[in-house]
Amino acid sequence: MSDDHLVAIETKLSFQEDLLDQLNSIIIKQQKDIDSIKCDFLLIQKKIASMNESIENAGIDERPPHY
C-alpha cells in the first residue's frame, strides 16, 4: 500500500469520526428536546383532565341563573 493511499484512508477516517461526533451531539440534543416535549405534553394532559373534571362537576345540580 502506498503512502498516499494510506494518507487518503486516514483522512477519510478522520472526517468520518468528526461527522460521527457531530451526529452524536445532534442526537443527544434531540433526545433532550423530546424529553422536554413529553413533560410538557403530560402537563397539558393533566391540565385538560382537571379542567374537564371541573366543568363536569360545575354543571351538576346547578340552577340556571334565571331562577
N, C-alpha and C. Protein backbone atom coordinates (compact mmCIF):
# COMPACT_ATOMS: atom_id res chain seq x y z
N MET A 1 0.85 -1.16 0.00
CA MET A 1 0.00 0.00 0.00
C MET A 1 0.91 1.24 0.00
N SER A 2 0.56 2.19 -0.84
CA SER A 2 1.39 3.38 -0.93
C SER A 2 1.06 4.37 0.20
N ASP A 3 1.99 5.26 0.45
CA ASP A 3 1.78 6.26 1.50
C ASP A 3 0.61 7.17 1.18
N ASP A 4 0.47 7.52 -0.10
CA ASP A 4 -0.64 8.40 -0.49
C ASP A 4 -1.99 7.73 -0.23
N HIS A 5 -2.05 6.45 -0.52
CA HIS A 5 -3.29 5.71 -0.30
C HIS A 5 -3.61 5.62 1.19
N LEU A 6 -2.60 5.40 1.99
CA LEU A 6 -2.78 5.32 3.44
C LEU A 6 -3.20 6.67 4.01
N VAL A 7 -2.63 7.75 3.54
CA VAL A 7 -2.99 9.09 3.99
C VAL A 7 -4.44 9.38 3.61
N ALA A 8 -4.86 8.98 2.42
CA ALA A 8 -6.24 9.20 1.98
C ALA A 8 -7.22 8.44 2.88
N ILE A 9 -6.88 7.23 3.23
CA ILE A 9 -7.74 6.43 4.11
C ILE A 9 -7.82 7.07 5.50
N GLU A 10 -6.67 7.50 6.02
CA GLU A 10 -6.66 8.14 7.34
C GLU A 10 -7.45 9.46 7.32
N THR A 11 -7.37 10.19 6.24
CA THR A 11 -8.12 11.45 6.11
C THR A 11 -9.63 11.17 6.11
N LYS A 12 -10.05 10.17 5.34
CA LYS A 12 -11.47 9.81 5.31
C LYS A 12 -11.94 9.35 6.69
N LEU A 13 -11.12 8.58 7.37
CA LEU A 13 -11.47 8.10 8.71
C LEU A 13 -11.62 9.27 9.68
N SER A 14 -10.72 10.23 9.56
CA SER A 14 -10.78 11.41 10.42
C SER A 14 -12.07 12.19 10.19
N PHE A 15 -12.45 12.39 8.93
CA PHE A 15 -13.70 13.08 8.62
C PHE A 15 -14.91 12.30 9.13
N GLN A 16 -14.86 10.99 8.99
CA GLN A 16 -15.98 10.16 9.47
C GLN A 16 -16.11 10.23 10.99
N GLU A 17 -15.01 10.22 11.69
CA GLU A 17 -15.05 10.33 13.14
C GLU A 17 -15.62 11.68 13.57
N ASP A 18 -15.23 12.75 12.87
CA ASP A 18 -15.75 14.08 13.16
C ASP A 18 -17.26 14.13 12.89
N LEU A 19 -17.68 13.58 11.78
CA LEU A 19 -19.10 13.55 11.45
C LEU A 19 -19.88 12.73 12.47
N LEU A 20 -19.33 11.63 12.91
CA LEU A 20 -19.98 10.80 13.91
C LEU A 20 -20.15 11.57 15.23
N ASP A 21 -19.14 12.33 15.62
CA ASP A 21 -19.25 13.15 16.83
C ASP A 21 -20.33 14.22 16.68
N GLN A 22 -20.40 14.83 15.51
CA GLN A 22 -21.44 15.84 15.27
C GLN A 22 -22.83 15.22 15.32
N LEU A 23 -22.99 14.08 14.69
CA LEU A 23 -24.29 13.41 14.69
C LEU A 23 -24.68 12.97 16.10
N ASN A 24 -23.73 12.51 16.86
CA ASN A 24 -23.99 12.12 18.25
C ASN A 24 -24.47 13.32 19.06
N SER A 25 -23.84 14.46 18.87
CA SER A 25 -24.27 15.68 19.57
C SER A 25 -25.69 16.07 19.19
N ILE A 26 -26.01 15.94 17.93
CA ILE A 26 -27.36 16.26 17.45
C ILE A 26 -28.38 15.32 18.07
N ILE A 27 -28.05 14.05 18.12
CA ILE A 27 -28.97 13.06 18.69
C ILE A 27 -29.20 13.34 20.18
N ILE A 28 -28.15 13.69 20.89
CA ILE A 28 -28.29 14.00 22.32
C ILE A 28 -29.20 15.20 22.51
N LYS A 29 -29.01 16.25 21.70
CA LYS A 29 -29.85 17.44 21.80
C LYS A 29 -31.30 17.09 21.46
N GLN A 30 -31.52 16.31 20.42
CA GLN A 30 -32.88 15.94 20.04
C GLN A 30 -33.55 15.12 21.14
N GLN A 31 -32.83 14.25 21.79
CA GLN A 31 -33.40 13.45 22.86
C GLN A 31 -33.81 14.34 24.02
N LYS A 32 -32.98 15.33 24.33
CA LYS A 32 -33.35 16.28 25.39
C LYS A 32 -34.61 17.04 25.01
N ASP A 33 -34.70 17.45 23.74
CA ASP A 33 -35.90 18.15 23.26
C ASP A 33 -37.12 17.25 23.35
N ILE A 34 -36.99 16.00 22.97
CA ILE A 34 -38.10 15.04 23.04
C ILE A 34 -38.55 14.86 24.48
N ASP A 35 -37.60 14.71 25.39
CA ASP A 35 -37.94 14.55 26.80
C ASP A 35 -38.69 15.77 27.34
N SER A 36 -38.24 16.95 26.94
CA SER A 36 -38.91 18.18 27.37
C SER A 36 -40.33 18.26 26.81
N ILE A 37 -40.48 17.91 25.55
CA ILE A 37 -41.80 17.93 24.92
C ILE A 37 -42.73 16.92 25.58
N LYS A 38 -42.20 15.75 25.94
CA LYS A 38 -43.02 14.75 26.64
C LYS A 38 -43.52 15.29 27.96
N CYS A 39 -42.64 15.94 28.72
CA CYS A 39 -43.04 16.52 30.01
C CYS A 39 -44.12 17.58 29.82
N ASP A 40 -43.93 18.44 28.82
CA ASP A 40 -44.93 19.47 28.54
C ASP A 40 -46.26 18.84 28.14
N PHE A 41 -46.21 17.80 27.33
CA PHE A 41 -47.41 17.12 26.88
C PHE A 41 -48.17 16.50 28.05
N LEU A 42 -47.44 15.85 28.95
CA LEU A 42 -48.08 15.24 30.11
C LEU A 42 -48.71 16.31 31.00
N LEU A 43 -48.04 17.43 31.17
CA LEU A 43 -48.58 18.52 31.96
C LEU A 43 -49.87 19.06 31.33
N ILE A 44 -49.87 19.22 30.04
CA ILE A 44 -51.07 19.69 29.33
C ILE A 44 -52.20 18.68 29.47
N GLN A 45 -51.89 17.40 29.35
CA GLN A 45 -52.92 16.37 29.53
C GLN A 45 -53.55 16.45 30.91
N LYS A 46 -52.72 16.63 31.93
CA LYS A 46 -53.23 16.72 33.30
C LYS A 46 -54.11 17.96 33.48
N LYS A 47 -53.69 19.07 32.90
CA LYS A 47 -54.47 20.30 33.00
C LYS A 47 -55.83 20.14 32.31
N ILE A 48 -55.83 19.51 31.15
CA ILE A 48 -57.08 19.30 30.42
C ILE A 48 -58.00 18.37 31.21
N ALA A 49 -57.44 17.31 31.77
CA ALA A 49 -58.25 16.39 32.57
C ALA A 49 -58.84 17.12 33.77
N SER A 50 -58.04 17.95 34.41
CA SER A 50 -58.52 18.72 35.56
C SER A 50 -59.62 19.69 35.14
N MET A 51 -59.44 20.34 34.02
CA MET A 51 -60.46 21.27 33.52
C MET A 51 -61.75 20.53 33.20
N ASN A 52 -61.63 19.36 32.58
CA ASN A 52 -62.82 18.57 32.25
C ASN A 52 -63.56 18.16 33.51
N GLU A 53 -62.84 17.76 34.54
CA GLU A 53 -63.47 17.39 35.80
C GLU A 53 -64.17 18.60 36.43
N SER A 54 -63.53 19.74 36.37
CA SER A 54 -64.13 20.96 36.93
C SER A 54 -65.41 21.32 36.19
N ILE A 55 -65.37 21.19 34.89
CA ILE A 55 -66.56 21.51 34.08
C ILE A 55 -67.68 20.54 34.37
N GLU A 56 -67.35 19.25 34.46
CA GLU A 56 -68.37 18.25 34.75
C GLU A 56 -68.97 18.45 36.14
N ASN A 57 -68.14 18.75 37.12
CA ASN A 57 -68.61 18.95 38.49
C ASN A 57 -69.38 20.26 38.65
N ALA A 58 -69.04 21.25 37.88
CA ALA A 58 -69.68 22.56 38.00
C ALA A 58 -71.12 22.51 37.49
N GLY A 59 -71.40 21.65 36.54
CA GLY A 59 -72.72 21.60 35.95
C GLY A 59 -73.70 20.72 36.70
N ILE A 60 -73.29 20.03 37.72
CA ILE A 60 -74.15 19.11 38.45
C ILE A 60 -75.04 19.88 39.40
N ASP A 61 -76.35 19.66 39.28
CA ASP A 61 -77.36 20.22 40.20
C ASP A 61 -77.26 21.73 40.37
N GLU A 62 -76.92 22.42 39.35
CA GLU A 62 -76.91 23.85 39.43
C GLU A 62 -78.19 24.39 38.80
N ARG A 63 -78.75 25.40 39.43
CA ARG A 63 -79.92 26.03 38.86
C ARG A 63 -79.45 27.06 37.84
N PRO A 64 -80.14 27.17 36.77
CA PRO A 64 -79.80 28.21 35.79
C PRO A 64 -79.90 29.60 36.45
N PRO A 65 -79.20 30.56 35.97
CA PRO A 65 -79.15 31.87 36.60
C PRO A 65 -80.49 32.61 36.61
N HIS A 66 -81.44 32.25 35.76
CA HIS A 66 -82.72 32.97 35.72
C HIS A 66 -83.71 32.49 36.76
N TYR A 67 -83.35 31.51 37.59
CA TYR A 67 -84.26 31.04 38.66
C TYR A 67 -84.01 31.75 39.93
